[in-house]
Amino acid sequence: MPPPSIVSSFLSVTPLEPVLVFQRADDAAYFQSHCKQGRIMLDQSSRWVFLPMPEGLLRVRTARCGDVAYDFDTHKHARMFNESIKGLGTIFQSTKEGPGWDRTVYLGKILR
């Protein structure tokens, strides 16, 4: 079975942690069962999976086309975060026009 798609994401203030949003509670539970550091909180939506604060996270912001961007201080930290979420994010290569793109993990809608 392929991993479920992340619909959106946000940074929770209490607790201060990234949250992945899935289409259905079953998708969130499936992801959480394969991502040991993720947890579903009983007093929150069952479609949300809370993750520990990743190392090197600078900001969480909206990006083009309505997806969510997690900006990191280094490519290594971006790659480690994406690996921790089973590679469900997208990291683009840096270019002359877009230096630093390799330090951002995009979640949610697919960029075209």
C-alpha atoms as a PDB file:
ATOM      1  CA  MET A   1       0.000   0.000   0.000  1.00  0.00           C
ATOM      2  CA  PRO A   2       1.491   3.403  -0.949  1.00  0.00           C
ATOM      3  CA  PRO A   3       1.834   5.967   1.832  1.00  0.00           C
ATOM      4  CA  PRO A   4      -1.103   8.363   2.225  1.00  0.00           C
ATOM      5  CA  SER A   5      -0.786  11.859   0.794  1.00  0.00           C
ATOM      6  CA  ILE A   6      -0.335  14.855   3.044  1.00  0.00           C
ATOM      7  CA  VAL A   7      -3.128  17.334   2.307  1.00  0.00           C
ATOM      8  CA  SER A   8      -1.622  20.242   4.234  1.00  0.00           C
ATOM      9  CA  SER A   9       0.573  21.074   7.187  1.00  0.00           C
ATOM     10  CA  PHE A  10       0.933  23.772   9.820  1.00  0.00           C
ATOM     11  CA  LEU A  11       2.988  24.691  12.870  1.00  0.00           C
ATOM     12  CA  SER A  12       1.087  24.200  16.111  1.00  0.00           C
ATOM     13  CA  VAL A  13       1.743  26.738  18.850  1.00  0.00           C
ATOM     14  CA  THR A  14       0.739  24.444  21.732  1.00  0.00           C
ATOM     15  CA  PRO A  15       2.588  22.160  21.577  1.00  0.00           C
ATOM     16  CA  LEU A  16       5.172  23.891  19.376  1.00  0.00           C
ATOM     17  CA  GLU A  17       5.387  21.195  16.712  1.00  0.00           C
ATOM     18  CA  PRO A  18       4.801  20.671  13.003  1.00  0.00           C
ATOM     19  CA  VAL A  19       1.479  19.001  12.204  1.00  0.00           C
ATOM     20  CA  LEU A  20       0.742  16.964   9.078  1.00  0.00           C
ATOM     21  CA  VAL A  21      -2.878  16.966   7.875  1.00  0.00           C
ATOM     22  CA  PHE A  22      -4.293  13.931   6.076  1.00  0.00           C
ATOM     23  CA  GLN A  23      -7.536  13.481   4.128  1.00  0.00           C
ATOM     24  CA  ARG A  24      -8.931  10.827   6.464  1.00  0.00           C
ATOM     25  CA  ALA A  25      -8.335   9.652  10.020  1.00  0.00           C
ATOM     26  CA  ASP A  26      -7.391   6.209   8.639  1.00  0.00           C
ATOM     27  CA  ASP A  27      -4.640   7.814   6.528  1.00  0.00           C
ATOM     28  CA  ALA A  28      -3.279   9.658   9.574  1.00  0.00           C
ATOM     29  CA  ALA A  29      -3.341   6.463  11.660  1.00  0.00           C
ATOM     30  CA  TYR A  30      -1.566   4.515   8.891  1.00  0.00           C
ATOM     31  CA  PHE A  31       1.134   7.189   8.603  1.00  0.00           C
ATOM     32  CA  GLN A  32       1.525   7.423  12.388  1.00  0.00           C
ATOM     33  CA  SER A  33       1.953   3.655  12.663  1.00  0.00           C
ATOM     34  CA  HIS A  34       4.863   3.823  10.190  1.00  0.00           C
ATOM     35  CA  CYS A  35       6.412   7.018  11.554  1.00  0.00           C
ATOM     36  CA  LYS A  36       7.422   6.242  15.123  1.00  0.00           C
ATOM     37  CA  GLN A  37       7.993   9.843  16.241  1.00  0.00           C
ATOM     38  CA  GLY A  38       4.557  11.010  15.024  1.00  0.00           C
ATOM     39  CA  ARG A  39       1.548  11.020  17.307  1.00  0.00           C
ATOM     40  CA  ILE A  40      -2.162  11.666  17.115  1.00  0.00           C
ATOM     41  CA  MET A  41      -3.490  13.613  20.078  1.00  0.00           C
ATOM     42  CA  LEU A  42      -6.863  12.541  21.454  1.00  0.00           C
ATOM     43  CA  ASP A  43      -8.024  16.114  22.081  1.00  0.00           C
ATOM     44  CA  GLN A  44      -7.195  17.204  18.511  1.00  0.00           C
ATOM     45  CA  SER A  45      -8.402  16.211  15.048  1.00  0.00           C
ATOM     46  CA  SER A  46      -7.833  12.534  14.268  1.00  0.00           C
ATOM     47  CA  ARG A  47      -6.565  13.611  10.813  1.00  0.00           C
ATOM     48  CA  TRP A  48      -3.584  15.455  12.342  1.00  0.00           C
ATOM     49  CA  VAL A  49      -0.210  13.860  13.094  1.00  0.00           C
ATOM     50  CA  PHE A  50       2.073  15.866  15.408  1.00  0.00           C
ATOM     51  CA  LEU A  51       5.846  15.581  14.907  1.00  0.00           C
ATOM     52  CA  PRO A  52       8.740  16.617  17.155  1.00  0.00           C
ATOM     53  CA  MET A  53      10.331  19.947  16.255  1.00  0.00           C
ATOM     54  CA  PRO A  54      12.888  19.166  13.534  1.00  0.00           C
ATOM     55  CA  GLU A  55      16.461  20.350  13.873  1.00  0.00           C
ATOM     56  CA  GLY A  56      17.329  23.486  11.925  1.00  0.00           C
ATOM     57  CA  LEU A  57      13.744  24.568  11.170  1.00  0.00           C
ATOM     58  CA  LEU A  58      13.696  28.301  10.437  1.00  0.00           C
ATOM     59  CA  ARG A  59      10.074  28.880   9.409  1.00  0.00           C
ATOM     60  CA  VAL A  60       6.880  27.359   8.083  1.00  0.00           C
ATOM     61  CA  ARG A  61       5.139  29.325   5.346  1.00  0.00           C
ATOM     62  CA  THR A  62       2.692  29.023   2.504  1.00  0.00           C
ATOM     63  CA  ALA A  63       4.223  28.627  -0.925  1.00  0.00           C
ATOM     64  CA  ARG A  64       3.043  28.887  -4.512  1.00  0.00           C
ATOM     65  CA  CYS A  65      -0.057  26.894  -5.448  1.00  0.00           C
ATOM     66  CA  GLY A  66      -1.179  26.654  -1.811  1.00  0.00           C
ATOM     67  CA  ASP A  67       1.317  24.111  -0.549  1.00  0.00           C
ATOM     68  CA  VAL A  68       3.274  24.510   2.690  1.00  0.00           C
ATOM     69  CA  ALA A  69       7.022  25.132   2.806  1.00  0.00           C
ATOM     70  CA  TYR A  70       9.311  24.150   5.663  1.00  0.00           C
ATOM     71  CA  ASP A  71      12.507  26.229   5.430  1.00  0.00           C
ATOM     72  CA  PHE A  72      15.660  24.844   7.058  1.00  0.00           C
ATOM     73  CA  ASP A  73      19.096  26.270   7.729  1.00  0.00           C
ATOM     74  CA  THR A  74      20.854  23.527   5.714  1.00  0.00           C
ATOM     75  CA  HIS A  75      20.101  20.952   3.036  1.00  0.00           C
ATOM     76  CA  LYS A  76      21.067  18.225   5.510  1.00  0.00           C
ATOM     77  CA  HIS A  77      18.343  19.282   7.959  1.00  0.00           C
ATOM     78  CA  ALA A  78      15.759  19.519   5.155  1.00  0.00           C
ATOM     79  CA  ARG A  79      16.724  16.035   3.946  1.00  0.00           C
ATOM     80  CA  MET A  80      16.577  14.605   7.494  1.00  0.00           C
ATOM     81  CA  PHE A  81      13.077  16.040   8.006  1.00  0.00           C
ATOM     82  CA  ASN A  82      11.861  14.673   4.676  1.00  0.00           C
ATOM     83  CA  GLU A  83      13.308  11.246   5.518  1.00  0.00           C
ATOM     84  CA  SER A  84      11.539  11.351   8.904  1.00  0.00           C
ATOM     85  CA  ILE A  85       8.208  11.788   7.106  1.00  0.00           C
ATOM     86  CA  LYS A  86       8.947   8.884   4.769  1.00  0.00           C
ATOM     87  CA  GLY A  87       9.913  11.099   1.831  1.00  0.00           C
ATOM     88  CA  LEU A  88       6.405  12.480   1.358  1.00  0.00           C
ATOM     89  CA  GLY A  89       7.735  16.012   0.900  1.00  0.00           C
ATOM     90  CA  THR A  90       9.441  17.480  -2.156  1.00  0.00           C
ATOM     91  CA  ILE A  91      12.901  19.060  -2.145  1.00  0.00           C
ATOM     92  CA  PHE A  92      14.015  20.865  -5.296  1.00  0.00           C
ATOM     93  CA  GLN A  93      17.616  21.289  -6.386  1.00  0.00           C
ATOM     94  CA  SER A  94      19.120  24.725  -5.974  1.00  0.00           C
ATOM     95  CA  THR A  95      19.714  26.675  -9.165  1.00  0.00           C
ATOM     96  CA  LYS A  96      21.312  29.974 -10.051  1.00  0.00           C
ATOM     97  CA  GLU A  97      17.830  31.523 -10.076  1.00  0.00           C
ATOM     98  CA  GLY A  98      16.748  29.685  -6.927  1.00  0.00           C
ATOM     99  CA  PRO A  99      19.664  29.312  -4.547  1.00  0.00           C
ATOM    100  CA  GLY A 100      18.641  27.615  -1.328  1.00  0.00           C
ATOM    101  CA  TRP A 101      15.788  25.614  -2.840  1.00  0.00           C
ATOM    102  CA  ASP A 102      17.482  22.493  -1.525  1.00  0.00           C
ATOM    103  CA  ARG A 103      16.854  23.734   2.029  1.00  0.00           C
ATOM    104  CA  THR A 104      13.058  23.722   1.711  1.00  0.00           C
ATOM    105  CA  VAL A 105      10.633  20.805   2.045  1.00  0.00           C
ATOM    106  CA  TYR A 106       7.284  21.309   0.295  1.00  0.00           C
ATOM    107  CA  LEU A 107       4.193  19.491   1.557  1.00  0.00           C
ATOM    108  CA  GLY A 108       0.606  19.362   0.388  1.00  0.00           C
ATOM    109  CA  LYS A 109      -0.377  20.267  -3.133  1.00  0.00           C
ATOM    110  CA  ILE A 110       1.910  19.203  -5.953  1.00  0.00           C
ATOM    111  CA  LEU A 111       3.704  22.074  -7.688  1.00  0.00           C
ATOM    112  CA  ARG A 112       3.216  22.193 -11.434  1.00  0.00           C
END
